[in-house]
Structure formats: structure tokens, C-alpha cells
Protein backbone atom coordinates (compact mmCIF):
# COMPACT_ATOMS: atom_id res chain seq x y z
CA MET A 1 -29.03 -31.30 -68.18
CA ALA A 2 -31.56 -31.49 -70.97
CA ARG A 3 -33.18 -34.61 -72.42
CA ALA A 4 -30.73 -34.49 -75.38
CA ALA A 5 -27.65 -34.31 -72.95
CA VAL A 6 -29.11 -37.34 -70.95
CA ALA A 7 -29.51 -39.27 -74.22
CA ARG A 8 -25.88 -38.51 -75.24
CA ARG A 9 -24.37 -39.55 -72.00
CA ARG A 10 -26.55 -42.67 -71.88
CA LYS A 11 -25.32 -43.66 -75.42
CA LYS A 12 -21.74 -42.89 -74.65
CA GLY A 13 -21.96 -45.09 -71.46
CA ALA A 14 -23.45 -47.89 -73.30
CA HIS A 15 -20.86 -47.54 -75.98
CA ASP A 16 -18.12 -47.78 -73.25
CA GLY A 17 -19.48 -51.13 -72.24
CA ARG A 18 -21.18 -49.84 -69.05
CA ILE A 19 -24.53 -50.94 -67.83
CA VAL A 20 -26.71 -47.78 -67.83
CA ILE A 21 -29.20 -47.61 -64.92
CA PHE A 22 -31.61 -45.04 -63.72
CA VAL A 23 -32.15 -44.93 -60.02
CA ASP A 24 -34.99 -43.46 -58.04
CA GLU A 25 -36.76 -43.95 -54.69
CA ALA A 26 -40.55 -43.83 -53.74
CA ALA A 27 -42.69 -44.69 -50.76
CA PHE A 28 -45.75 -46.93 -50.66
CA TYR A 29 -48.45 -46.74 -47.99
CA PRO A 30 -51.04 -49.42 -46.89
CA LEU A 31 -53.86 -46.90 -47.78
CA PRO A 32 -55.43 -47.41 -51.09
CA ALA A 33 -54.62 -45.18 -54.04
CA VAL A 34 -58.14 -45.09 -55.29
CA VAL A 35 -58.23 -44.82 -59.10
CA THR A 36 -61.64 -46.09 -60.01
CA THR A 37 -64.67 -47.32 -58.24
CA TYR A 38 -68.01 -48.96 -58.96
CA ALA A 39 -70.04 -46.22 -57.49
CA PRO A 40 -72.81 -44.78 -59.64
CA ILE A 41 -71.83 -41.59 -61.51
CA GLY A 42 -72.19 -38.52 -59.46
CA GLU A 43 -72.27 -40.49 -56.16
CA THR A 44 -68.66 -40.00 -54.91
CA PRO A 45 -67.99 -42.86 -52.33
CA ILE A 46 -66.44 -41.86 -48.99
CA LEU A 47 -63.69 -44.10 -47.80
CA ARG A 48 -62.90 -44.10 -44.15
CA GLU A 49 -59.40 -45.23 -43.23
CA VAL A 50 -57.14 -44.71 -40.29
CA VAL A 51 -54.30 -42.48 -41.42
CA GLY A 52 -50.83 -43.67 -40.31
CA HIS A 53 -47.31 -42.92 -41.22
CA ASP A 54 -46.29 -46.50 -41.82
CA HIS A 55 -44.84 -46.98 -45.18
CA LEU A 56 -42.36 -49.04 -47.28
CA SER A 57 -39.44 -47.22 -48.71
CA VAL A 58 -38.35 -48.62 -52.12
CA ILE A 59 -35.30 -47.82 -54.28
CA SER A 60 -35.13 -49.33 -57.80
CA ALA A 61 -33.09 -49.14 -60.97
CA VAL A 62 -34.08 -49.80 -64.55
CA THR A 63 -31.93 -50.37 -67.71
CA PRO A 64 -32.67 -49.52 -71.18
CA GLN A 65 -32.82 -53.19 -71.99
CA GLY A 66 -35.78 -53.62 -69.65
CA ALA A 67 -34.16 -55.04 -66.45
CA LEU A 68 -35.49 -53.86 -63.09
CA SER A 69 -33.71 -54.23 -59.68
CA MET A 70 -35.54 -53.22 -56.56
CA GLN A 71 -34.95 -53.12 -52.79
CA VAL A 72 -37.77 -52.64 -50.16
CA ASP A 73 -37.30 -51.39 -46.63
CA ALA A 74 -39.65 -50.61 -43.81
CA ALA A 75 -37.34 -47.74 -42.79
CA SER A 76 -36.67 -44.58 -44.71
CA ILE A 77 -33.99 -44.65 -47.37
CA THR A 78 -30.60 -43.38 -46.09
CA GLY A 79 -27.14 -43.15 -47.59
CA GLU A 80 -26.40 -46.55 -46.14
CA ARG A 81 -29.42 -48.04 -47.84
CA VAL A 82 -28.41 -46.52 -51.12
CA VAL A 83 -24.94 -48.14 -50.70
CA ARG A 84 -26.59 -51.46 -50.05
CA PHE A 85 -28.62 -51.14 -53.16
CA LEU A 86 -25.53 -50.24 -55.32
CA ARG A 87 -23.71 -53.41 -53.83
CA GLN A 88 -26.85 -55.34 -54.77
CA VAL A 89 -26.64 -53.93 -58.40
CA ALA A 90 -22.93 -54.75 -58.63
CA ARG A 91 -23.68 -58.37 -57.55
CA ARG A 92 -26.25 -58.78 -60.22
CA TRP A 93 -23.85 -57.80 -62.90
CA PRO A 94 -20.39 -58.87 -61.48
CA GLY A 95 -17.33 -57.39 -62.98
CA ARG A 96 -19.28 -54.70 -64.92
CA LYS A 97 -18.99 -50.89 -64.88
CA PHE A 98 -22.03 -48.68 -64.39
CA LEU A 99 -23.34 -45.40 -65.60
CA VAL A 100 -25.79 -44.34 -62.88
CA PHE A 101 -28.30 -41.55 -63.48
CA TRP A 102 -30.13 -40.27 -60.40
CA ASP A 103 -31.54 -37.03 -59.07
CA ARG A 104 -29.90 -34.61 -56.68
CA ALA A 105 -31.36 -36.03 -53.60
CA THR A 106 -29.29 -35.45 -50.49
CA ILE A 107 -28.98 -39.12 -49.68
CA HIS A 108 -27.14 -39.52 -53.11
CA ARG A 109 -24.68 -36.87 -52.10
CA GLY A 110 -24.25 -37.98 -48.47
CA GLU A 111 -21.04 -39.11 -46.70
CA ALA A 112 -21.93 -42.78 -46.88
CA VAL A 113 -22.48 -42.88 -50.61
CA GLN A 114 -19.43 -40.69 -51.27
CA ALA A 115 -17.21 -42.99 -49.16
CA PHE A 116 -18.57 -46.10 -50.95
CA LEU A 117 -17.89 -44.58 -54.45
CA ALA A 118 -14.44 -43.73 -53.35
CA SER A 119 -13.78 -47.22 -52.19
CA THR A 120 -14.86 -48.99 -55.31
CA PRO A 121 -12.48 -49.77 -58.15
CA PRO A 122 -11.77 -46.72 -60.34
CA GLY A 123 -14.54 -46.13 -62.74
CA GLN A 124 -16.83 -48.80 -61.50
CA PHE A 125 -19.57 -46.36 -60.87
CA GLN A 126 -19.87 -43.22 -62.98
CA ILE A 127 -22.55 -40.95 -61.62
CA GLU A 128 -24.59 -38.50 -63.65
CA LEU A 129 -26.99 -36.23 -61.84
CA LEU A 130 -30.41 -35.43 -63.32
CA PRO A 131 -31.88 -31.99 -62.90
CA GLY A 132 -34.13 -31.61 -59.73
CA TYR A 133 -36.70 -29.85 -61.76
CA ALA A 134 -37.35 -32.61 -64.36
CA PRO A 135 -38.48 -35.99 -62.94
CA GLU A 136 -39.95 -36.81 -66.24
CA LEU A 137 -36.35 -37.54 -67.47
CA ASN A 138 -35.99 -40.45 -65.20
CA PRO A 139 -37.54 -43.59 -66.68
CA ASP A 140 -37.62 -45.16 -63.20
CA GLU A 141 -40.50 -42.69 -62.50
CA GLY A 142 -42.57 -44.84 -64.82
CA VAL A 143 -42.05 -47.90 -62.56
CA TRP A 144 -43.70 -45.91 -59.72
CA ASN A 145 -46.51 -44.56 -61.92
CA HIS A 146 -47.18 -48.18 -63.19
CA LEU A 147 -47.18 -49.88 -59.88
CA LYS A 148 -49.28 -47.11 -58.02
CA GLU A 149 -51.81 -46.41 -60.90
CA HIS A 150 -52.14 -49.96 -62.36
CA ASP A 151 -50.93 -53.00 -60.28
CA LEU A 152 -51.48 -51.58 -56.80
CA ALA A 153 -54.38 -49.14 -57.68
CA ASN A 154 -57.30 -49.66 -55.32
CA VAL A 155 -55.35 -52.08 -53.17
CA SER A 156 -55.84 -51.60 -49.43
CA CYS A 157 -53.56 -53.47 -47.09
CA LEU A 158 -54.14 -54.00 -43.43
CA ASP A 159 -50.43 -53.82 -42.55
CA LEU A 160 -46.84 -53.45 -43.93
CA ALA A 161 -46.52 -57.27 -44.25
CA GLN A 162 -49.52 -57.46 -46.62
CA LEU A 163 -48.31 -54.36 -48.46
CA ARG A 164 -44.90 -55.98 -48.99
CA GLY A 165 -46.46 -59.12 -50.48
CA ALA A 166 -48.71 -57.14 -52.87
CA LEU A 167 -45.70 -54.99 -53.84
CA ALA A 168 -43.30 -58.03 -54.35
CA ALA A 169 -46.08 -59.71 -56.62
CA ALA A 170 -46.49 -56.49 -58.67
CA THR A 171 -42.83 -56.13 -58.90
CA GLN A 172 -42.29 -59.75 -60.27
CA ARG A 173 -45.14 -59.10 -62.73
CA LEU A 174 -43.21 -55.98 -63.99
CA GLN A 175 -39.93 -57.74 -64.23
CA ARG A 176 -41.61 -60.38 -66.45
CA ARG A 177 -42.47 -57.43 -68.91
CA PRO A 178 -39.26 -55.83 -70.07
CA GLU A 179 -41.01 -54.28 -73.00
CA LEU A 180 -43.13 -52.22 -70.67
CA ILE A 181 -40.03 -51.10 -68.69
CA ARG A 182 -38.36 -50.23 -72.07
CA SER A 183 -41.55 -48.10 -72.76
CA PHE A 184 -40.75 -45.93 -69.71
CA PHE A 185 -37.60 -44.86 -71.58
CA GLN A 186 -39.57 -43.92 -74.65
CA GLU A 187 -42.04 -42.01 -72.40
CA ALA A 188 -39.11 -40.09 -70.97
CA GLY A 189 -37.98 -39.26 -74.48
CA LEU A 190 -34.85 -41.57 -74.24
CA ARG A 191 -35.17 -43.96 -77.19
């Protein structure tokens, strides 16, 4: 599906009164994503950290109007967690229909998600798959880029609880900036 096709489907969904959402998942680690340092030019600092596999799994959705919904888990995202997130989205906008754009991840095509979609009222969730080779078409990627490269850049957390707090604060700041979220749509070429 090319950028123009995504734009056409998004416009048609909005015209049908659906809430258009783009969904994506990411992981956040306690280790810092070092962006800049105060080290003198030419003297690259060496950071010593204990490497671990602990992380927070995050799923979010953005709308062209600049709304952001997010769910954070210490466990990896599974089909059941995707279902829980879709229920959260439906509670946020009760009685509405949704046009959901997401990638072709196996968790989106899994049994739990398919069973949930089949159990919802007809047409409540219309799913559109984005091409697997074009993450730049998903404006939700802008959320991850912004959080990792700006709000959480150079942030080092001692544990997942501290990371969860830093992520929650960064998410709240982003939710108060709908114009920034709308710019992620422009960056994806979806005006």
C-alpha cells in the first residue's frame, strides 16, 4: 500500500465518521540512548553499564487530530495485550467506529486479536495493514522517535520503575502537544 493509498483510506474512514488511529509497538530499556554529551570534541566518552534484557513494552495509537493513547507493560506485547489496548481505545471513544492502521506483525494477526475482532459489533474495527517494508508510513513511529531522541535521550534509569515514571512523564508532555503529534502525520506524508 503506497502513501497515496493510505491517505485515501484514511480520508474515507474519516468521512465515514470513523476515528482513524495508527497503532505501533516499541520497547524502552533502562540503558540511556546517548544523544549528546558534554565531552570535549574528539574525546568520546566511554559509558560502562550493566547490560540487561529488562525492558518496558509499549503500544500506542495516534489520531490525525493529535490524540495519543498509550499502554505500558513490563512483559512483551502479545495478542492478548493488543486486545486489551483495543478495548482501552474503545472505552476512550465509546460508541464510535475505528479505522485502525497497523503493521503486519504476527501479534496483530494472532488468534486472540482475530477472536476479539470477530466478537465486536460489525464494523466497529476496520483494520488496514501497512506494508512491512515502510515503517515511515506510520505516524506512530514519530512518537517513538520523539520520546527516544528528545524526551528520554540521555536518561539512564536504575530500574524499570524509574523508567516507567520517566516514560509516563514524557508521554504526558507529548499528550499536551497535539500539534507535535499532528506533525508526525505530516512527516509520514499524510496531511
